[in-house]
Amino acid sequence: MYQDAFHKHGDTPSGVMWPRGRQDARFHALTQHFSCENFSVLDFGCGLAHLKPYLDARFKEYKYFGVDIVPEFVGAVEGKFPDAKAQLIRSYSDVSLSVDHVVISGAFNIIIGNNRAEYIRSVKSALIHLFSLARVSLAMNFMTDRVDFTQPHALHMNVGEMLDFTRQYLSPRLRCDESYMPYEFTVVVLKDSKVIRPDNIFNPA
């Protein structure tokens, strides 16, 4: 689906399946807690790295790393931004880089497979893994389930369920923002070394 969108729309928001635009509002919600220079950021599911020009306009010194499962996206990022690091991955488990901030913008919006519950479990496993790589924060957005219409294979998360999961398995130090756009929400989770994150929460012995 992402390859088809890119081939049809090119290097545009529609090319990464954000047809309504307003990316700056989304990026602001995800990164407004960035407070200093010389940080590193992992853009998980980076798409065409539209986050990078947004950060470039606001920070002079930082390191950008992008990962995605779509080869065309990774190739485009490498061509556009020689100073960025882009990696093609098959799974979140391929990512092992430790960074200050992890940002996830829309990477989980499309359900893979036909089992929604199983896909949500895989999303939560990915969040646990990615949060373990973050030294400062993990910021993620989702489409909310408080909508009148959903498209096939679109993941609409329940806000309360995601917040309960985040508090229990990541950190209670969090902020939820539903103010910037209808039908979306962003959760920013700050690192708390006292929180224990089990390695295998979905298959307890």
Foldseek 3Di string as FASTA:
>chain_A
DLVVQCVVPNPDCSSRPPVVDPVLLVLCQQCVPPDDAAFEEEEEQCQQVPSVVVVVVPYPHYAYEYEHQDVVSQVNNCVPDVRHHYYHDDALVVDDAATAEYEYECNLFFQDDDDLVVSVVRVLLSVLVVLVRHPWKYKYKAFAPPDPDDDPRTDHDHPVVVLVSCVQAFHPAKDKDCDRDPRMIMMMDTHDVVHDHDNPPPDDD
